[in-house]
């Protein structure tokens, strides 16, 4: 009888310096062995006045405008992400990319002051139920490193301030 290997956790393995006025956007991809499902987790600068719900609503509106044949299955349900104090939000929808089979995506949105986080689980709609549990497990494993997130947000604010005050 075989047992599943223990899950592994990725830590940042790349360091890079941003020029003045530039900002940091991170992205990690977790890919199924057969390539039929994935989760992409990312972070980006965010207006410090936006809370997680406003960020989620903003992203949801963008998706509605951009994705062909969008069908919402769950729209902005409360969700928990470790490392953020504000409630995170979950959305599930299906859509049909051009020249491709329909896909279903499950997205989690979270925010800290100055930083937005999105984790997107994707599989072909026809394959979703075969991957749903593992995709859910990956989304549940999302942890925001509070210290690193705050450092990134501070770096963006300093860069914005320096860009505005530069002659």
N, C-alpha and C. Protein backbone atom coordinates (compact mmCIF):
# COMPACT_ATOMS: atom_id res chain seq x y z
N UNK A 1 0.84 -1.18 0.00
CA UNK A 1 0.00 0.00 0.00
C UNK A 1 0.89 1.24 0.00
N UNK A 2 0.65 2.14 -0.93
CA UNK A 2 1.48 3.35 -1.01
C UNK A 2 0.83 4.47 -0.22
N UNK A 3 1.64 5.33 0.29
CA UNK A 3 1.14 6.50 1.01
C UNK A 3 1.54 7.74 0.23
N UNK A 4 0.74 8.75 0.39
CA UNK A 4 1.05 10.02 -0.27
C UNK A 4 2.24 10.67 0.40
N UNK A 5 3.11 11.30 -0.37
CA UNK A 5 4.24 12.01 0.24
C UNK A 5 3.73 13.19 1.04
N UNK A 6 4.52 13.58 2.02
CA UNK A 6 4.18 14.75 2.82
C UNK A 6 4.21 15.99 1.93
N UNK A 7 3.26 16.91 2.14
CA UNK A 7 3.29 18.15 1.35
C UNK A 7 4.54 18.96 1.69
N UNK A 8 4.96 19.75 0.74
CA UNK A 8 6.10 20.63 0.95
C UNK A 8 5.62 22.07 0.92
N UNK A 9 6.37 22.92 1.56
CA UNK A 9 6.04 24.34 1.62
C UNK A 9 7.17 25.13 0.97
N UNK A 10 6.81 26.05 0.09
CA UNK A 10 7.81 26.87 -0.59
C UNK A 10 8.10 28.13 0.22
N UNK A 11 9.35 28.48 0.27
CA UNK A 11 9.78 29.76 0.86
C UNK A 11 10.47 30.53 -0.26
N UNK A 12 10.47 31.84 -0.19
CA UNK A 12 11.11 32.62 -1.25
C UNK A 12 12.55 32.16 -1.49
N UNK A 13 12.87 31.96 -2.76
CA UNK A 13 14.23 31.54 -3.10
C UNK A 13 14.93 32.56 -3.99
N UNK A 14 14.25 33.65 -4.24
CA UNK A 14 14.81 34.70 -5.10
C UNK A 14 14.81 36.01 -4.33
N UNK A 15 15.90 36.73 -4.44
CA UNK A 15 15.97 38.10 -3.90
C UNK A 15 16.31 39.02 -5.06
N UNK A 16 15.69 40.18 -5.06
CA UNK A 16 15.92 41.13 -6.14
C UNK A 16 15.69 42.54 -5.60
N UNK A 17 16.39 43.49 -6.17
CA UNK A 17 16.25 44.89 -5.77
C UNK A 17 15.44 45.62 -6.82
N UNK A 18 14.48 46.40 -6.38
CA UNK A 18 13.66 47.19 -7.29
C UNK A 18 14.24 48.58 -7.42
N UNK A 19 14.36 49.08 -8.65
CA UNK A 19 14.82 50.46 -8.84
C UNK A 19 13.82 51.44 -8.21
N UNK A 20 14.28 52.64 -7.96
CA UNK A 20 13.43 53.67 -7.39
C UNK A 20 12.17 53.83 -8.23
N UNK A 21 11.02 53.86 -7.56
CA UNK A 21 9.75 54.03 -8.23
C UNK A 21 9.10 52.74 -8.69
N UNK A 22 9.83 51.65 -8.68
CA UNK A 22 9.29 50.35 -9.06
C UNK A 22 8.71 49.70 -7.82
N UNK A 23 7.93 48.62 -8.01
CA UNK A 23 7.34 47.94 -6.86
C UNK A 23 7.45 46.43 -7.04
N UNK A 24 7.19 45.72 -5.96
CA UNK A 24 7.28 44.27 -5.95
C UNK A 24 5.92 43.62 -6.15
N UNK A 25 5.86 42.64 -7.05
CA UNK A 25 4.70 41.80 -7.23
C UNK A 25 5.24 40.37 -7.23
N UNK A 26 4.71 39.53 -6.37
CA UNK A 26 5.19 38.17 -6.25
C UNK A 26 4.18 37.19 -6.84
N UNK A 27 4.68 36.02 -7.25
CA UNK A 27 3.79 34.99 -7.75
C UNK A 27 4.43 33.62 -7.56
N UNK A 28 3.64 32.67 -7.06
CA UNK A 28 4.07 31.28 -6.93
C UNK A 28 3.04 30.41 -7.61
N UNK A 29 3.50 29.39 -8.33
CA UNK A 29 2.60 28.45 -8.99
C UNK A 29 2.84 27.06 -8.43
N UNK A 30 1.76 26.39 -8.07
CA UNK A 30 1.79 25.00 -7.65
C UNK A 30 1.04 24.23 -8.74
N UNK A 31 1.73 23.29 -9.36
CA UNK A 31 1.21 22.59 -10.54
C UNK A 31 1.02 21.11 -10.25
N UNK A 32 -0.13 20.56 -10.64
CA UNK A 32 -0.37 19.12 -10.45
C UNK A 32 0.61 18.34 -11.33
N UNK A 33 0.95 17.11 -10.93
CA UNK A 33 1.91 16.32 -11.70
C UNK A 33 1.50 16.10 -13.16
N UNK A 34 0.20 16.01 -13.41
CA UNK A 34 -0.27 15.80 -14.79
C UNK A 34 -0.51 17.11 -15.54
N UNK A 35 -0.30 18.23 -14.88
CA UNK A 35 -0.45 19.54 -15.52
C UNK A 35 -1.89 19.97 -15.75
N UNK A 36 -2.86 19.25 -15.18
CA UNK A 36 -4.26 19.56 -15.43
C UNK A 36 -4.91 20.48 -14.40
N UNK A 37 -4.17 20.82 -13.35
CA UNK A 37 -4.69 21.72 -12.33
C UNK A 37 -3.52 22.50 -11.75
N UNK A 38 -3.82 23.70 -11.27
CA UNK A 38 -2.76 24.51 -10.64
C UNK A 38 -3.37 25.51 -9.68
N UNK A 39 -2.49 26.04 -8.84
CA UNK A 39 -2.86 27.15 -7.97
C UNK A 39 -1.76 28.19 -8.12
N UNK A 40 -2.15 29.42 -8.39
CA UNK A 40 -1.21 30.53 -8.47
C UNK A 40 -1.54 31.48 -7.32
N UNK A 41 -0.56 31.72 -6.48
CA UNK A 41 -0.73 32.66 -5.36
C UNK A 41 0.15 33.87 -5.66
N UNK A 42 -0.40 35.05 -5.47
CA UNK A 42 0.37 36.26 -5.78
C UNK A 42 0.07 37.36 -4.77
N UNK A 43 0.98 38.31 -4.72
CA UNK A 43 0.75 39.51 -3.91
C UNK A 43 1.15 40.72 -4.74
N UNK A 44 0.50 41.82 -4.45
CA UNK A 44 0.76 43.04 -5.20
C UNK A 44 0.51 44.26 -4.31
N UNK A 45 1.09 45.39 -4.70
CA UNK A 45 0.82 46.61 -3.94
C UNK A 45 -0.67 46.94 -3.99
N UNK A 46 -1.15 47.51 -2.92
CA UNK A 46 -2.57 47.83 -2.81
C UNK A 46 -2.71 49.17 -2.11
N UNK A 47 -3.65 49.95 -2.55
CA UNK A 47 -3.95 51.21 -1.88
C UNK A 47 -4.21 50.89 -0.41
N UNK A 48 -3.45 51.48 0.51
CA UNK A 48 -3.61 51.16 1.93
C UNK A 48 -5.02 51.39 2.48
N UNK A 49 -5.83 52.19 1.79
CA UNK A 49 -7.19 52.45 2.28
C UNK A 49 -8.16 51.32 1.92
N UNK A 50 -7.77 50.40 1.02
CA UNK A 50 -8.65 49.31 0.62
C UNK A 50 -8.59 48.17 1.63
N UNK A 51 -9.75 47.68 2.03
CA UNK A 51 -9.78 46.49 2.88
C UNK A 51 -9.93 45.26 1.97
N UNK A 52 -9.95 44.08 2.57
CA UNK A 52 -10.00 42.84 1.79
C UNK A 52 -11.27 42.75 0.93
N UNK A 53 -12.41 43.16 1.49
CA UNK A 53 -13.64 43.08 0.71
C UNK A 53 -13.60 44.01 -0.50
N UNK A 54 -13.13 45.23 -0.31
CA UNK A 54 -13.05 46.18 -1.42
C UNK A 54 -12.10 45.67 -2.50
N UNK A 55 -10.97 45.09 -2.07
CA UNK A 55 -10.01 44.51 -3.01
C UNK A 55 -10.66 43.35 -3.76
N UNK A 56 -11.35 42.47 -3.05
CA UNK A 56 -12.02 41.33 -3.68
C UNK A 56 -13.09 41.80 -4.67
N UNK A 57 -13.87 42.79 -4.28
CA UNK A 57 -14.92 43.31 -5.16
C UNK A 57 -14.30 43.92 -6.42
N UNK A 58 -13.22 44.67 -6.25
CA UNK A 58 -12.53 45.28 -7.38
C UNK A 58 -12.03 44.20 -8.36
N UNK A 59 -11.40 43.15 -7.83
CA UNK A 59 -10.89 42.07 -8.67
C UNK A 59 -12.04 41.31 -9.34
N UNK A 60 -13.10 41.07 -8.60
CA UNK A 60 -14.27 40.37 -9.12
C UNK A 60 -14.90 41.15 -10.28
N UNK A 61 -14.98 42.46 -10.14
CA UNK A 61 -15.52 43.29 -11.21
C UNK A 61 -14.65 43.24 -12.46
N UNK A 62 -13.32 43.22 -12.27
CA UNK A 62 -12.41 43.11 -13.42
C UNK A 62 -12.62 41.79 -14.17
N UNK A 63 -12.75 40.71 -13.41
CA UNK A 63 -12.97 39.40 -14.01
C UNK A 63 -14.28 39.38 -14.78
N UNK A 64 -15.32 39.94 -14.22
CA UNK A 64 -16.62 39.98 -14.89
C UNK A 64 -16.54 40.69 -16.23
N UNK A 65 -15.72 41.73 -16.30
CA UNK A 65 -15.59 42.50 -17.53
C UNK A 65 -14.70 41.80 -18.57
N UNK A 66 -13.76 40.96 -18.12
CA UNK A 66 -12.77 40.39 -19.02
C UNK A 66 -13.04 38.96 -19.49
N UNK A 67 -13.73 38.16 -18.70
CA UNK A 67 -13.86 36.73 -19.01
C UNK A 67 -15.13 36.43 -19.77
N UNK A 68 -14.99 35.72 -20.89
CA UNK A 68 -16.09 35.37 -21.76
C UNK A 68 -16.96 34.28 -21.14
N UNK A 69 -18.26 34.47 -21.16
CA UNK A 69 -19.18 33.44 -20.68
C UNK A 69 -19.06 33.13 -19.21
N UNK A 70 -18.74 34.11 -18.41
CA UNK A 70 -18.53 33.91 -16.97
C UNK A 70 -19.81 33.43 -16.29
N UNK A 71 -19.67 32.36 -15.50
CA UNK A 71 -20.76 31.85 -14.67
C UNK A 71 -20.26 31.83 -13.24
N UNK A 72 -20.87 32.62 -12.37
CA UNK A 72 -20.47 32.67 -10.96
C UNK A 72 -21.16 31.55 -10.20
N UNK A 73 -20.38 30.79 -9.46
CA UNK A 73 -20.93 29.71 -8.63
C UNK A 73 -21.00 30.14 -7.16
N UNK A 74 -20.00 30.85 -6.71
CA UNK A 74 -19.97 31.43 -5.37
C UNK A 74 -19.34 32.80 -5.53
N UNK A 75 -19.97 33.80 -4.95
CA UNK A 75 -19.44 35.15 -5.12
C UNK A 75 -19.14 35.78 -3.77
N UNK A 76 -17.87 35.90 -3.48
CA UNK A 76 -17.37 36.59 -2.31
C UNK A 76 -17.98 36.10 -0.99
N UNK A 77 -17.67 34.85 -0.69
CA UNK A 77 -18.05 34.27 0.59
C UNK A 77 -16.89 34.45 1.57
N UNK A 78 -17.16 34.68 2.85
CA UNK A 78 -16.08 34.85 3.83
C UNK A 78 -15.17 33.62 3.87
N UNK A 79 -13.88 33.88 4.06
CA UNK A 79 -12.86 32.83 4.05
C UNK A 79 -11.76 33.23 5.03
N UNK A 80 -11.02 32.27 5.54
CA UNK A 80 -9.95 32.57 6.48
C UNK A 80 -8.59 32.35 5.82
N UNK A 81 -7.69 33.31 5.97
CA UNK A 81 -6.30 33.17 5.55
C UNK A 81 -5.43 33.57 6.73
N UNK A 82 -4.55 32.67 7.13
CA UNK A 82 -3.65 32.96 8.24
C UNK A 82 -2.70 34.10 7.84
N UNK A 83 -2.50 35.03 8.77
CA UNK A 83 -1.57 36.13 8.53
C UNK A 83 -2.25 37.42 8.11
N UNK A 84 -3.58 37.39 7.95
CA UNK A 84 -4.33 38.61 7.67
C UNK A 84 -5.40 38.75 8.75
N UNK A 85 -5.57 39.97 9.22
CA UNK A 85 -6.54 40.20 10.30
C UNK A 85 -7.96 40.33 9.76
N UNK A 86 -8.08 40.90 8.58
CA UNK A 86 -9.38 41.12 7.96
C UNK A 86 -9.87 39.79 7.35
N UNK A 87 -11.17 39.62 7.25
CA UNK A 87 -11.74 38.45 6.60
C UNK A 87 -11.26 38.39 5.16
N UNK A 88 -10.89 37.20 4.70
CA UNK A 88 -10.58 37.00 3.29
C UNK A 88 -11.90 36.61 2.59
N UNK A 89 -11.87 36.57 1.25
CA UNK A 89 -13.09 36.31 0.49
C UNK A 89 -12.83 35.28 -0.59
N UNK A 90 -13.80 34.38 -0.79
CA UNK A 90 -13.68 33.31 -1.78
C UNK A 90 -14.72 33.50 -2.87
N UNK A 91 -14.30 33.24 -4.10
CA UNK A 91 -15.19 33.32 -5.24
C UNK A 91 -14.92 32.11 -6.13
N UNK A 92 -15.96 31.53 -6.69
CA UNK A 92 -15.79 30.42 -7.64
C UNK A 92 -16.59 30.74 -8.89
N UNK A 93 -15.97 30.55 -10.04
CA UNK A 93 -16.64 30.85 -11.29
C UNK A 93 -16.07 29.98 -12.41
N UNK A 94 -16.83 29.86 -13.47
CA UNK A 94 -16.40 29.14 -14.67
C UNK A 94 -16.45 30.10 -15.84
N UNK A 95 -15.61 29.83 -16.82
CA UNK A 95 -15.61 30.64 -18.03
C UNK A 95 -14.94 29.85 -19.14
N UNK A 96 -15.06 30.34 -20.36
CA UNK A 96 -14.54 29.63 -21.52
C UNK A 96 -13.45 30.46 -22.20
N UNK A 97 -12.18 30.11 -21.95
CA UNK A 97 -11.10 30.81 -22.66
C UNK A 97 -11.23 30.56 -24.17
N UNK A 98 -10.77 31.49 -24.95
CA UNK A 98 -10.81 31.36 -26.40
C UNK A 98 -10.04 30.09 -26.82
N UNK A 99 -10.63 29.29 -27.69
CA UNK A 99 -10.00 28.09 -28.24
C UNK A 99 -9.57 27.09 -27.16
N UNK A 100 -10.34 26.98 -26.11
CA UNK A 100 -9.99 26.06 -25.03
C UNK A 100 -11.26 25.55 -24.35
N UNK A 101 -11.11 24.47 -23.61
CA UNK A 101 -12.23 23.94 -22.84
C UNK A 101 -12.56 24.90 -21.70
N UNK A 102 -13.82 24.90 -21.25
CA UNK A 102 -14.19 25.74 -20.10
C UNK A 102 -13.36 25.36 -18.87
N UNK A 103 -13.05 26.36 -18.07
CA UNK A 103 -12.30 26.15 -16.83
C UNK A 103 -13.12 26.69 -15.66
N UNK A 104 -12.82 26.15 -14.50
CA UNK A 104 -13.40 26.67 -13.27
C UNK A 104 -12.25 27.17 -12.42
N UNK A 105 -12.44 28.34 -11.84
CA UNK A 105 -11.43 28.93 -10.97
C UNK A 105 -12.05 29.22 -9.62
N UNK A 106 -11.27 28.94 -8.60
CA UNK A 106 -11.65 29.26 -7.23
C UNK A 106 -10.61 30.26 -6.75
N UNK A 107 -11.05 31.45 -6.41
CA UNK A 107 -10.12 32.50 -6.01
C UNK A 107 -10.35 32.91 -4.57
N UNK A 108 -9.24 33.15 -3.89
CA UNK A 108 -9.26 33.67 -2.53
C UNK A 108 -8.56 35.02 -2.57
N UNK A 109 -9.21 36.03 -1.99
CA UNK A 109 -8.66 37.37 -1.91
C UNK A 109 -8.45 37.74 -0.45
N UNK A 110 -7.30 38.31 -0.16
CA UNK A 110 -7.00 38.76 1.20
C UNK A 110 -6.21 40.06 1.09
N UNK A 111 -6.16 40.79 2.18
CA UNK A 111 -5.42 42.06 2.16
C UNK A 111 -4.86 42.38 3.53
N UNK A 112 -3.73 43.07 3.48
CA UNK A 112 -3.14 43.74 4.64
C UNK A 112 -2.94 45.18 4.19
N UNK A 113 -2.78 46.10 5.09
CA UNK A 113 -2.59 47.49 4.64
C UNK A 113 -1.44 47.60 3.64
N UNK A 114 -1.76 48.05 2.43
CA UNK A 114 -0.75 48.26 1.40
C UNK A 114 -0.40 47.03 0.58
N UNK A 115 -1.05 45.88 0.83
CA UNK A 115 -0.70 44.65 0.09
C UNK A 115 -1.95 43.82 -0.15
N UNK A 116 -2.16 43.39 -1.41
CA UNK A 116 -3.27 42.51 -1.77
C UNK A 116 -2.75 41.14 -2.13
N UNK A 117 -3.52 40.11 -1.79
CA UNK A 117 -3.13 38.73 -2.04
C UNK A 117 -4.26 38.02 -2.76
N UNK A 118 -3.90 37.25 -3.79
CA UNK A 118 -4.87 36.45 -4.52
C UNK A 118 -4.29 35.06 -4.71
N UNK A 119 -5.10 34.05 -4.46
CA UNK A 119 -4.73 32.67 -4.76
C UNK A 119 -5.81 32.13 -5.68
N UNK A 120 -5.41 31.64 -6.85
CA UNK A 120 -6.35 31.16 -7.85
C UNK A 120 -6.09 29.70 -8.16
N UNK A 121 -7.07 28.86 -7.87
CA UNK A 121 -7.02 27.44 -8.21
C UNK A 121 -7.77 27.25 -9.53
N UNK A 122 -7.15 26.53 -10.47
CA UNK A 122 -7.74 26.39 -11.80
C UNK A 122 -7.69 24.94 -12.26
N UNK A 123 -8.79 24.49 -12.86
CA UNK A 123 -8.85 23.19 -13.52
C UNK A 123 -9.91 23.29 -14.62
N UNK A 124 -9.78 22.42 -15.62
CA UNK A 124 -10.86 22.35 -16.60
C UNK A 124 -12.14 22.02 -15.85
N UNK A 125 -13.25 22.62 -16.25
CA UNK A 125 -14.52 22.38 -15.57
C UNK A 125 -14.84 20.89 -15.54
N UNK A 126 -14.56 20.19 -16.63
CA UNK A 126 -14.84 18.75 -16.70
C UNK A 126 -14.01 17.95 -15.70
N UNK A 127 -12.85 18.47 -15.30
CA UNK A 127 -11.95 17.77 -14.37
C UNK A 127 -12.04 18.27 -12.94
N UNK A 128 -12.81 19.32 -12.69
CA UNK A 128 -12.78 19.98 -11.39
C UNK A 128 -13.03 19.05 -10.22
N UNK A 129 -14.05 18.23 -10.30
CA UNK A 129 -14.38 17.39 -9.14
C UNK A 129 -13.25 16.44 -8.79
N UNK A 130 -12.47 16.00 -9.76
CA UNK A 130 -11.33 15.12 -9.48
C UNK A 130 -10.23 15.86 -8.72
N UNK A 131 -10.17 17.19 -8.85
CA UNK A 131 -9.12 18.00 -8.23
C UNK A 131 -9.62 18.86 -7.07
N UNK A 132 -10.91 18.96 -6.89
CA UNK A 132 -11.47 19.92 -5.92
C UNK A 132 -10.84 19.79 -4.54
N UNK A 133 -10.72 18.58 -4.02
CA UNK A 133 -10.20 18.41 -2.66
C UNK A 133 -8.76 18.90 -2.55
N UNK A 134 -7.91 18.51 -3.49
CA UNK A 134 -6.51 18.92 -3.40
C UNK A 134 -6.36 20.42 -3.65
N UNK A 135 -7.14 20.97 -4.55
CA UNK A 135 -7.10 22.42 -4.77
C UNK A 135 -7.54 23.17 -3.51
N UNK A 136 -8.59 22.67 -2.88
CA UNK A 136 -9.05 23.26 -1.63
C UNK A 136 -7.97 23.18 -0.55
N UNK A 137 -7.29 22.02 -0.47
CA UNK A 137 -6.20 21.86 0.51
C UNK A 137 -5.09 22.87 0.26
N UNK A 138 -4.75 23.10 -1.01
CA UNK A 138 -3.69 24.07 -1.32
C UNK A 138 -4.14 25.48 -0.94
N UNK A 139 -5.36 25.83 -1.27
CA UNK A 139 -5.86 27.16 -0.90
C UNK A 139 -5.89 27.34 0.62
N UNK A 140 -6.30 26.30 1.33
CA UNK A 140 -6.34 26.36 2.79
C UNK A 140 -4.95 26.52 3.39
N UNK A 141 -3.94 26.03 2.69
CA UNK A 141 -2.57 26.11 3.21
C UNK A 141 -1.95 27.50 3.08
N UNK A 142 -2.62 28.40 2.38
CA UNK A 142 -2.09 29.75 2.16
C UNK A 142 -1.86 30.47 3.48
N UNK A 143 -0.66 30.94 3.68
CA UNK A 143 -0.29 31.73 4.86
C UNK A 143 0.41 32.99 4.37
N UNK A 144 -0.04 34.13 4.84
CA UNK A 144 0.61 35.39 4.51
C UNK A 144 1.66 35.65 5.58
N UNK A 145 2.90 35.84 5.16
CA UNK A 145 3.98 36.18 6.07
C UNK A 145 3.82 37.65 6.42
N UNK A 146 3.32 37.91 7.62
CA UNK A 146 3.00 39.28 8.02
C UNK A 146 4.20 40.21 7.93
N UNK A 147 5.35 39.76 8.41
CA UNK A 147 6.55 40.60 8.40
C UNK A 147 6.98 40.94 6.98
N UNK A 148 7.03 39.94 6.10
CA UNK A 148 7.44 40.18 4.71
C UNK A 148 6.42 41.07 4.00
N UNK A 149 5.12 40.84 4.25
CA UNK A 149 4.09 41.65 3.61
C UNK A 149 4.20 43.11 4.04
N UNK A 150 4.44 43.32 5.32
CA UNK A 150 4.57 44.69 5.81
C UNK A 150 5.83 45.36 5.25
N UNK A 151 6.92 44.60 5.11
CA UNK A 151 8.15 45.15 4.52
C UNK A 151 7.91 45.55 3.06
N UNK A 152 7.20 44.70 2.31
CA UNK A 152 6.92 45.02 0.91
C UNK A 152 6.04 46.25 0.80
N UNK A 153 5.02 46.34 1.65
CA UNK A 153 4.14 47.51 1.62
C UNK A 153 4.90 48.78 1.98
N UNK A 154 5.79 48.70 2.97
CA UNK A 154 6.60 49.85 3.37
C UNK A 154 7.53 50.27 2.25
N UNK A 155 8.14 49.30 1.56
CA UNK A 155 9.05 49.61 0.45
C UNK A 155 8.31 50.34 -0.67
N UNK A 156 7.09 49.91 -0.96
CA UNK A 156 6.29 50.58 -2.00
C UNK A 156 5.98 52.01 -1.59
N UNK A 157 5.55 52.20 -0.35
CA UNK A 157 5.23 53.55 0.12
C UNK A 157 6.46 54.46 0.07
N UNK A 158 7.62 53.94 0.48
CA UNK A 158 8.85 54.74 0.43
C UNK A 158 9.19 55.08 -1.02
N UNK A 159 9.01 54.11 -1.92
CA UNK A 159 9.31 54.34 -3.33
C UNK A 159 8.37 55.38 -3.92
N UNK A 160 7.10 55.31 -3.56
CA UNK A 160 6.13 56.31 -4.05
C UNK A 160 6.50 57.69 -3.54
N UNK A 161 6.84 57.77 -2.28
CA UNK A 161 7.19 59.06 -1.68
C UNK A 161 8.44 59.63 -2.34
N UNK A 162 9.46 58.78 -2.56
CA UNK A 162 10.70 59.24 -3.20
C UNK A 162 10.46 59.68 -4.63
N UNK A 163 9.56 58.97 -5.35
CA UNK A 163 9.26 59.32 -6.73
C UNK A 163 8.57 60.68 -6.81
N UNK A 164 7.65 60.94 -5.88
CA UNK A 164 6.91 62.18 -5.87
C UNK A 164 7.82 63.35 -5.47
N UNK A 165 8.73 63.12 -4.54
CA UNK A 165 9.56 64.23 -4.05
C UNK A 165 10.86 64.41 -4.84
N UNK A 166 11.13 63.50 -5.80
CA UNK A 166 12.36 63.66 -6.59
C UNK A 166 12.22 64.85 -7.54
N UNK A 167 13.33 65.59 -7.75
CA UNK A 167 13.25 66.78 -8.63
C UNK A 167 13.05 66.40 -10.08
